[in-house]
PDB file of N, CA and C in Angstrom:
ATOM      1  N   MET A   1      22.143 125.312 179.332  1.00  0.00           N
ATOM      2  CA  MET A   1      23.537 125.293 179.529  1.00  0.00           C
ATOM      3  C   MET A   1      24.001 124.043 178.712  1.00  0.00           C
ATOM      4  N   LYS A   2      24.912 124.039 178.164  1.00  0.00           N
ATOM      5  CA  LYS A   2      25.614 122.716 177.492  1.00  0.00           C
ATOM      6  C   LYS A   2      26.814 122.234 178.113  1.00  0.00           C
ATOM      7  N   LEU A   3      26.811 121.088 178.264  1.00  0.00           N
ATOM      8  CA  LEU A   3      28.151 120.335 178.829  1.00  0.00           C
ATOM      9  C   LEU A   3      28.672 119.507 177.604  1.00  0.00           C
ATOM     10  N   LYS A   4      30.166 119.434 177.840  1.00  0.00           N
ATOM     11  CA  LYS A   4      30.760 118.455 176.775  1.00  0.00           C
ATOM     12  C   LYS A   4      31.776 117.521 177.293  1.00  0.00           C
ATOM     13  N   LEU A   5      31.766 116.288 177.005  1.00  0.00           N
ATOM     14  CA  LEU A   5      32.663 115.475 177.421  1.00  0.00           C
ATOM     15  C   LEU A   5      33.254 114.576 176.244  1.00  0.00           C
ATOM     16  N   ASP A   6      34.735 114.849 176.309  1.00  0.00           N
ATOM     17  CA  ASP A   6      35.408 114.237 175.187  1.00  0.00           C
ATOM     18  C   ASP A   6      36.364 113.013 175.813  1.00  0.00           C
ATOM     19  N   LEU A   7      36.104 111.754 175.233  1.00  0.00           N
ATOM     20  CA  LEU A   7      36.654 110.489 175.803  1.00  0.00           C
ATOM     21  C   LEU A   7      37.672 110.068 175.015  1.00  0.00           C
ATOM     22  N   HIS A   8      38.401 110.830 174.199  1.00  0.00           N
ATOM     23  CA  HIS A   8      39.537 110.708 173.517  1.00  0.00           C
ATOM     24  C   HIS A   8      40.850 110.254 174.342  1.00  0.00           C
ATOM     25  N   ASP A   9      40.933 110.828 175.400  1.00  0.00           N
ATOM     26  CA  ASP A   9      42.311 110.519 176.418  1.00  0.00           C
ATOM     27  C   ASP A   9      41.987 109.394 176.963  1.00  0.00           C
ATOM     28  N   ILE A  10      40.845 108.738 177.333  1.00  0.00           N
ATOM     29  CA  ILE A  10      40.531 107.649 178.361  1.00  0.00           C
ATOM     30  C   ILE A  10      39.914 106.340 177.343  1.00  0.00           C
ATOM     31  N   TYR A  11      40.070 106.458 176.011  1.00  0.00           N
ATOM     32  CA  TYR A  11      39.177 105.563 175.268  1.00  0.00           C
ATOM     33  C   TYR A  11      39.554 104.074 175.491  1.00  0.00           C
ATOM     34  N   ASN A  12      40.848 103.816 176.204  1.00  0.00           N
ATOM     35  CA  ASN A  12      40.894 102.291 176.585  1.00  0.00           C
ATOM     36  C   ASN A  12      40.983 102.053 178.004  1.00  0.00           C
ATOM     37  N   LYS A  13      40.350 102.783 178.842  1.00  0.00           N
ATOM     38  CA  LYS A  13      40.124 102.559 180.220  1.00  0.00           C
ATOM     39  C   LYS A  13      38.838 102.603 180.796  1.00  0.00           C
ATOM     40  N   GLY A  14      38.101 101.401 180.526  1.00  0.00           N
ATOM     41  CA  GLY A  14      36.706 100.893 180.863  1.00  0.00           C
ATOM     42  C   GLY A  14      36.360 101.775 182.210  1.00  0.00           C
ATOM     43  N   SER A  15      36.922 101.562 183.244  1.00  0.00           N
ATOM     44  CA  SER A  15      36.318 102.002 184.517  1.00  0.00           C
ATOM     45  C   SER A  15      36.440 103.852 184.554  1.00  0.00           C
ATOM     46  N   GLU A  16      37.328 104.126 183.790  1.00  0.00           N
ATOM     47  CA  GLU A  16      37.402 105.764 183.703  1.00  0.00           C
ATOM     48  C   GLU A  16      36.312 106.245 182.789  1.00  0.00           C
ATOM     49  N   ILE A  17      35.966 105.474 181.872  1.00  0.00           N
ATOM     50  CA  ILE A  17      35.107 105.736 180.806  1.00  0.00           C
ATOM     51  C   ILE A  17      33.553 105.746 181.733  1.00  0.00           C
ATOM     52  N   ASP A  18      33.397 104.717 182.436  1.00  0.00           N
ATOM     53  CA  ASP A  18      32.094 104.712 183.123  1.00  0.00           C
ATOM     54  C   ASP A  18      32.023 105.881 184.176  1.00  0.00           C
ATOM     55  N   ARG A  19      33.066 106.092 184.934  1.00  0.00           N
ATOM     56  CA  ARG A  19      33.178 107.336 186.037  1.00  0.00           C
ATOM     57  C   ARG A  19      32.862 108.473 185.138  1.00  0.00           C
ATOM     58  N   ALA A  20      33.513 108.734 184.022  1.00  0.00           N
ATOM     59  CA  ALA A  20      33.479 109.947 183.414  1.00  0.00           C
ATOM     60  C   ALA A  20      32.042 110.274 182.861  1.00  0.00           C
ATOM     61  N   LEU A  21      31.442 109.214 182.350  1.00  0.00           N
ATOM     62  CA  LEU A  21      29.941 109.149 181.815  1.00  0.00           C
ATOM     63  C   LEU A  21      29.063 109.408 183.063  1.00  0.00           C
ATOM     64  N   HIS A  22      29.028 108.690 184.129  1.00  0.00           N
ATOM     65  CA  HIS A  22      28.213 108.817 185.337  1.00  0.00           C
ATOM     66  C   HIS A  22      28.450 110.484 185.866  1.00  0.00           C
ATOM     67  N   GLY A  23      29.621 110.846 185.901  1.00  0.00           N
ATOM     68  CA  GLY A  23      29.963 112.163 186.290  1.00  0.00           C
ATOM     69  C   GLY A  23      29.291 113.315 185.478  1.00  0.00           C
ATOM     70  N   ILE A  24      29.289 113.185 184.003  1.00  0.00           N
ATOM     71  CA  ILE A  24      28.753 114.160 183.313  1.00  0.00           C
ATOM     72  C   ILE A  24      27.155 114.074 183.369  1.00  0.00           C
ATOM     73  N   ILE A  25      26.707 112.971 183.520  1.00  0.00           N
ATOM     74  CA  ILE A  25      25.259 112.994 183.669  1.00  0.00           C
ATOM     75  C   ILE A  25      24.763 113.671 185.022  1.00  0.00           C
ATOM     76  N   LYS A  26      25.441 113.017 186.063  1.00  0.00           N
ATOM     77  CA  LYS A  26      25.136 113.790 187.396  1.00  0.00           C
ATOM     78  C   LYS A  26      25.352 115.203 187.286  1.00  0.00           C
ATOM     79  N   GLU A  27      26.390 115.805 186.653  1.00  0.00           N
ATOM     80  CA  GLU A  27      26.457 117.299 186.503  1.00  0.00           C
ATOM     81  C   GLU A  27      25.237 117.842 185.672  1.00  0.00           C
ATOM     82  N   ALA A  28      25.027 117.445 184.694  1.00  0.00           N
ATOM     83  CA  ALA A  28      23.765 117.831 183.973  1.00  0.00           C
ATOM     84  C   ALA A  28      22.470 118.044 184.725  1.00  0.00           C
ATOM     85  N   VAL A  29      22.380 116.895 185.429  1.00  0.00           N
ATOM     86  CA  VAL A  29      21.174 116.824 186.453  1.00  0.00           C
ATOM     87  C   VAL A  29      21.293 118.021 187.302  1.00  0.00           C
ATOM     88  N   ARG A  30      22.365 118.133 188.039  1.00  0.00           N
ATOM     89  CA  ARG A  30      22.734 119.042 189.125  1.00  0.00           C
ATOM     90  C   ARG A  30      22.430 120.543 188.510  1.00  0.00           C
ATOM     91  N   VAL A  31      23.088 120.965 187.405  1.00  0.00           N
ATOM     92  CA  VAL A  31      22.996 122.155 186.887  1.00  0.00           C
ATOM     93  C   VAL A  31      21.959 122.368 185.911  1.00  0.00           C
ATOM     94  N   LYS A  32      21.052 121.151 185.770  1.00  0.00           N
ATOM     95  CA  LYS A  32      19.980 121.310 184.856  1.00  0.00           C
ATOM     96  C   LYS A  32      20.310 121.827 183.406  1.00  0.00           C
ATOM     97  N   ALA A  33      21.299 121.180 182.959  1.00  0.00           N
ATOM     98  CA  ALA A  33      21.864 121.466 181.421  1.00  0.00           C
ATOM     99  C   ALA A  33      20.524 120.933 180.438  1.00  0.00           C
ATOM    100  N   THR A  34      20.662 121.526 179.322  1.00  0.00           N
ATOM    101  CA  THR A  34      19.755 121.247 178.385  1.00  0.00           C
ATOM    102  C   THR A  34      20.448 120.261 177.302  1.00  0.00           C
ATOM    103  N   GLN A  35      21.834 120.302 177.195  1.00  0.00           N
ATOM    104  CA  GLN A  35      22.304 119.365 176.205  1.00  0.00           C
ATOM    105  C   GLN A  35      23.672 118.926 176.766  1.00  0.00           C
ATOM    106  N   VAL A  36      24.301 117.606 176.510  1.00  0.00           N
ATOM    107  CA  VAL A  36      25.494 117.246 176.976  1.00  0.00           C
ATOM    108  C   VAL A  36      26.009 116.746 175.639  1.00  0.00           C
ATOM    109  N   GLU A  37      27.240 117.079 175.218  1.00  0.00           N
ATOM    110  CA  GLU A  37      27.844 116.668 173.942  1.00  0.00           C
ATOM    111  C   GLU A  37      29.000 115.463 174.316  1.00  0.00           C
ATOM    112  N   ILE A  38      28.867 114.251 173.858  1.00  0.00           N
ATOM    113  CA  ILE A  38      29.719 113.210 174.159  1.00  0.00           C
ATOM    114  C   ILE A  38      30.426 112.976 172.941  1.00  0.00           C
ATOM    115  N   ILE A  39      31.778 112.907 173.045  1.00  0.00           N
ATOM    116  CA  ILE A  39      32.725 112.620 171.857  1.00  0.00           C
ATOM    117  C   ILE A  39      33.547 111.482 172.096  1.00  0.00           C
ATOM    118  N   PRO A  40      32.921 110.400 171.685  1.00  0.00           N
ATOM    119  CA  PRO A  40      33.720 109.108 171.603  1.00  0.00           C
ATOM    120  C   PRO A  40      34.966 108.929 170.421  1.00  0.00           C
ATOM    121  N   GLY A  41      34.575 109.726 169.377  1.00  0.00           N
ATOM    122  CA  GLY A  41      35.546 109.512 168.523  1.00  0.00           C
ATOM    123  C   GLY A  41      35.061 108.854 167.340  1.00  0.00           C
ATOM    124  N   LYS A  42      35.961 108.732 166.235  1.00  0.00           N
ATOM    125  CA  LYS A  42      35.429 107.996 165.273  1.00  0.00           C
ATOM    126  C   LYS A  42      35.796 106.526 165.160  1.00  0.00           C
ATOM    127  N   GLY A  43      37.038 106.276 165.223  1.00  0.00           N
ATOM    128  CA  GLY A  43      37.668 104.835 165.346  1.00  0.00           C
ATOM    129  C   GLY A  43      36.959 103.742 164.940  1.00  0.00           C
ATOM    130  N   SER A  44      36.753 102.611 165.719  1.00  0.00           N
ATOM    131  CA  SER A  44      36.248 101.621 165.241  1.00  0.00           C
ATOM    132  C   SER A  44      34.764 101.349 165.519  1.00  0.00           C
ATOM    133  N   GLY A  45      34.306 102.171 166.285  1.00  0.00           N
ATOM    134  CA  GLY A  45      32.807 102.416 166.798  1.00  0.00           C
ATOM    135  C   GLY A  45      32.605 101.660 167.995  1.00  0.00           C
ATOM    136  N   GLN A  46      33.716 100.945 168.805  1.00  0.00           N
ATOM    137  CA  GLN A  46      33.372 100.205 169.842  1.00  0.00           C
ATOM    138  C   GLN A  46      32.988 101.277 171.034  1.00  0.00           C
ATOM    139  N   LEU A  47      33.588 102.303 171.152  1.00  0.00           N
ATOM    140  CA  LEU A  47      33.554 103.280 172.301  1.00  0.00           C
ATOM    141  C   LEU A  47      32.208 103.902 172.118  1.00  0.00           C
ATOM    142  N   LYS A  48      31.719 104.253 170.989  1.00  0.00           N
ATOM    143  CA  LYS A  48      30.521 104.848 170.703  1.00  0.00           C
ATOM    144  C   LYS A  48      29.360 103.750 171.124  1.00  0.00           C
ATOM    145  N   LYS A  49      29.518 102.425 170.854  1.00  0.00           N
ATOM    146  CA  LYS A  49      28.550 101.355 171.369  1.00  0.00           C
ATOM    147  C   LYS A  49      28.530 101.239 172.806  1.00  0.00           C
ATOM    148  N   LYS A  50      29.816 101.465 173.440  1.00  0.00           N
ATOM    149  CA  LYS A  50      29.870 101.375 175.046  1.00  0.00           C
ATOM    150  C   LYS A  50      29.034 102.572 175.560  1.00  0.00           C
ATOM    151  N   VAL A  51      29.357 103.850 174.914  1.00  0.00           N
ATOM    152  CA  VAL A  51      28.499 104.814 175.413  1.00  0.00           C
ATOM    153  C   VAL A  51      27.083 104.765 175.298  1.00  0.00           C
ATOM    154  N   LEU A  52      26.595 104.151 174.118  1.00  0.00           N
ATOM    155  CA  LEU A  52      25.114 104.189 173.619  1.00  0.00           C
ATOM    156  C   LEU A  52      24.484 102.948 174.690  1.00  0.00           C
ATOM    157  N   ARG A  53      25.185 101.914 175.076  1.00  0.00           N
ATOM    158  CA  ARG A  53      24.894 100.867 175.933  1.00  0.00           C
ATOM    159  C   ARG A  53      24.742 101.506 177.468  1.00  0.00           C
ATOM    160  N   PHE A  54      25.609 102.352 177.871  1.00  0.00           N
ATOM    161  CA  PHE A  54      25.646 103.166 179.191  1.00  0.00           C
ATOM    162  C   PHE A  54      24.119 103.987 178.972  1.00  0.00           C
ATOM    163  N   LEU A  55      24.013 104.663 178.073  1.00  0.00           N
ATOM    164  CA  LEU A  55      22.938 105.648 178.026  1.00  0.00           C
ATOM    165  C   LEU A  55      21.448 104.922 177.970  1.00  0.00           C
ATOM    166  N   GLU A  56      21.542 103.626 177.622  1.00  0.00           N
ATOM    167  CA  GLU A  56      20.222 102.770 177.615  1.00  0.00           C
ATOM    168  C   GLU A  56      19.890 102.007 178.862  1.00  0.00           C
ATOM    169  N   GLN A  57      20.975 102.184 179.713  1.00  0.00           N
ATOM    170  CA  GLN A  57      20.651 101.656 181.125  1.00  0.00           C
ATOM    171  C   GLN A  57      19.177 102.276 181.673  1.00  0.00           C
ATOM    172  N   LYS A  58      18.545 101.469 182.251  1.00  0.00           N
ATOM    173  CA  LYS A  58      17.263 102.040 182.767  1.00  0.00           C
ATOM    174  C   LYS A  58      17.356 103.143 183.736  1.00  0.00           C
ATOM    175  N   GLU A  59      18.112 103.177 184.593  1.00  0.00           N
ATOM    176  CA  GLU A  59      18.211 104.303 185.528  1.00  0.00           C
ATOM    177  C   GLU A  59      18.868 105.478 185.068  1.00  0.00           C
ATOM    178  N   ILE A  60      19.767 105.299 183.987  1.00  0.00           N
ATOM    179  CA  ILE A  60      20.356 106.567 183.151  1.00  0.00           C
ATOM    180  C   ILE A  60      19.256 107.014 182.370  1.00  0.00           C
ATOM    181  N   LYS A  61      18.505 106.351 181.554  1.00  0.00           N
ATOM    182  CA  LYS A  61      17.518 106.685 180.459  1.00  0.00           C
ATOM    183  C   LYS A  61      16.481 107.301 180.953  1.00  0.00           C
ATOM    184  N   ALA A  62      16.191 107.282 182.443  1.00  0.00           N
ATOM    185  CA  ALA A  62      15.040 107.902 182.948  1.00  0.00           C
ATOM    186  C   ALA A  62      15.655 109.483 183.241  1.00  0.00           C
ATOM    187  N   LEU A  63      16.720 109.866 183.142  1.00  0.00           N
ATOM    188  CA  LEU A  63      17.271 111.217 183.522  1.00  0.00           C
ATOM    189  C   LEU A  63      17.177 111.970 182.342  1.00  0.00           C
ATOM    190  N   TYR A  64      17.204 111.651 181.070  1.00  0.00           N
ATOM    191  CA  TYR A  64      17.371 112.412 179.860  1.00  0.00           C
ATOM    192  C   TYR A  64      16.135 112.379 178.885  1.00  0.00           C
ATOM    193  N   HIS A  65      16.063 113.162 177.978  1.00  0.00           N
ATOM    194  CA  HIS A  65      14.898 113.222 177.193  1.00  0.00           C
ATOM    195  C   HIS A  65      15.130 112.269 175.912  1.00  0.00           C
ATOM    196  N   ARG A  66      16.154 112.640 175.227  1.00  0.00           N
ATOM    197  CA  ARG A  66      16.452 111.977 173.991  1.00  0.00           C
ATOM    198  C   ARG A  66      18.038 112.001 173.443  1.00  0.00           C
ATOM    199  N   ILE A  67      18.370 111.083 172.695  1.00  0.00           N
ATOM    200  CA  ILE A  67      19.876 111.211 172.087  1.00  0.00           C
ATOM    201  C   ILE A  67      19.831 111.367 170.657  1.00  0.00           C
ATOM    202  N   ASP A  68      20.714 112.120 170.160  1.00  0.00           N
ATOM    203  CA  ASP A  68      20.766 112.438 168.668  1.00  0.00           C
ATOM    204  C   ASP A  68      22.276 112.076 168.388  1.00  0.00           C
ATOM    205  N   LYS A  69      22.313 111.349 167.316  1.00  0.00           N
ATOM    206  CA  LYS A  69      23.761 111.174 166.697  1.00  0.00           C
ATOM    207  C   LYS A  69      23.915 112.406 165.543  1.00  0.00           C
ATOM    208  N   ASP A  70      25.332 112.828 165.728  1.00  0.00           N
ATOM    209  CA  ASP A  70      25.624 113.944 164.637  1.00  0.00           C
ATOM    210  C   ASP A  70      25.509 113.401 163.410  1.00  0.00           C
ATOM    211  N   ALA A  71      24.864 114.012 162.336  1.00  0.00           N
ATOM    212  CA  ALA A  71      24.683 113.590 161.050  1.00  0.00           C
ATOM    213  C   ALA A  71      26.005 113.823 160.058  1.00  0.00           C
ATOM    214  N   LYS A  72      26.571 114.897 160.508  1.00  0.00           N
ATOM    215  CA  LYS A  72      27.891 115.076 159.999  1.00  0.00           C
ATOM    216  C   LYS A  72      29.064 114.599 160.397  1.00  0.00           C
ATOM    217  N   ASN A  73      28.914 114.363 161.802  1.00  0.00           N
ATOM    218  CA  ASN A  73      30.350 113.644 162.250  1.00  0.00           C
ATOM    219  C   ASN A  73      29.897 112.675 163.253  1.00  0.00           C
ATOM    220  N   HIS A  74      30.111 111.324 162.563  1.00  0.00           N
ATOM    221  CA  HIS A  74      29.524 110.023 163.404  1.00  0.00           C
ATOM    222  C   HIS A  74      30.412 109.791 164.627  1.00  0.00           C
ATOM    223  N   GLY A  75      31.419 110.598 165.008  1.00  0.00           N
ATOM    224  CA  GLY A  75      32.127 110.552 166.302  1.00  0.00           C
ATOM    225  C   GLY A  75      31.666 111.330 167.421  1.00  0.00           C
ATOM    226  N   ARG A  76      30.267 111.814 167.376  1.00  0.00           N
ATOM    227  CA  ARG A  76      29.738 112.662 168.283  1.00  0.00           C
ATOM    228  C   ARG A  76      28.241 112.292 168.620  1.00  0.00           C
ATOM    229  N   LEU A  77      27.874 112.404 169.935  1.00  0.00           N
ATOM    230  CA  LEU A  77      26.651 112.028 170.391  1.00  0.00           C
ATOM    231  C   LEU A  77      26.035 113.339 170.924  1.00  0.00           C
ATOM    232  N   PHE A  78      24.777 113.591 171.014  1.00  0.00           N
ATOM    233  CA  PHE A  78      24.131 114.668 171.777  1.00  0.00           C
ATOM    234  C   PHE A  78      22.925 114.064 172.638  1.00  0.00           C
ATOM    235  N   VAL A  79      23.125 114.537 173.959  1.00  0.00           N
ATOM    236  CA  VAL A  79      22.247 114.081 174.828  1.00  0.00           C
ATOM    237  C   VAL A  79      21.341 115.284 175.260  1.00  0.00           C
ATOM    238  N   TYR A  80      19.858 115.316 174.979  1.00  0.00           N
ATOM    239  CA  TYR A  80      19.011 116.431 175.420  1.00  0.00           C
ATOM    240  C   TYR A  80      18.169 116.088 176.889  1.00  0.00           C
ATOM    241  N   PHE A  81      18.277 116.951 177.551  1.00  0.00           N
ATOM    242  CA  PHE A  81      17.386 116.908 178.721  1.00  0.00           C
ATOM    243  C   PHE A  81      16.304 117.944 178.565  1.00  0.00           C
ATOM    244  N   GLN A  82      15.081 117.671 179.304  1.00  0.00           N
ATOM    245  CA  GLN A  82      14.099 118.594 179.557  1.00  0.00           C
ATOM    246  C   GLN A  82      13.664 118.616 181.044  1.00  0.00           C
ATOM    247  N   TRP A  83      13.545 120.028 181.414  1.00  0.00           N
ATOM    248  CA  TRP A  83      13.245 120.286 182.747  1.00  0.00           C
ATOM    249  C   TRP A  83      11.934 120.969 183.057  1.00  0.00           C
ATOM    250  N   LYS A  84      11.081 120.702 183.813  1.00  0.00           N
ATOM    251  CA  LYS A  84       9.729 121.250 183.858  1.00  0.00           C
ATOM    252  C   LYS A  84       9.822 122.264 185.080  1.00  0.00           C
TER     253      LYS A  84
END
């Protein structure tokens, strides 16, 4: 199962961004998703950096397997999960 989170609508609302990121990670764990696509958009790159900092937090990093940046579209990230 794949989940998708588009942050275009809330790009300038810090607390909503954090809430959305926590929500999509919780949902991925709950339904045992294999992949989450996060779309921070291209822009200046500040939102993408915020998303990457969120994903690097110790308690969040323990939940997923790896992160990939889309080679063709730098406004997109993929978070992969492995379930046993």
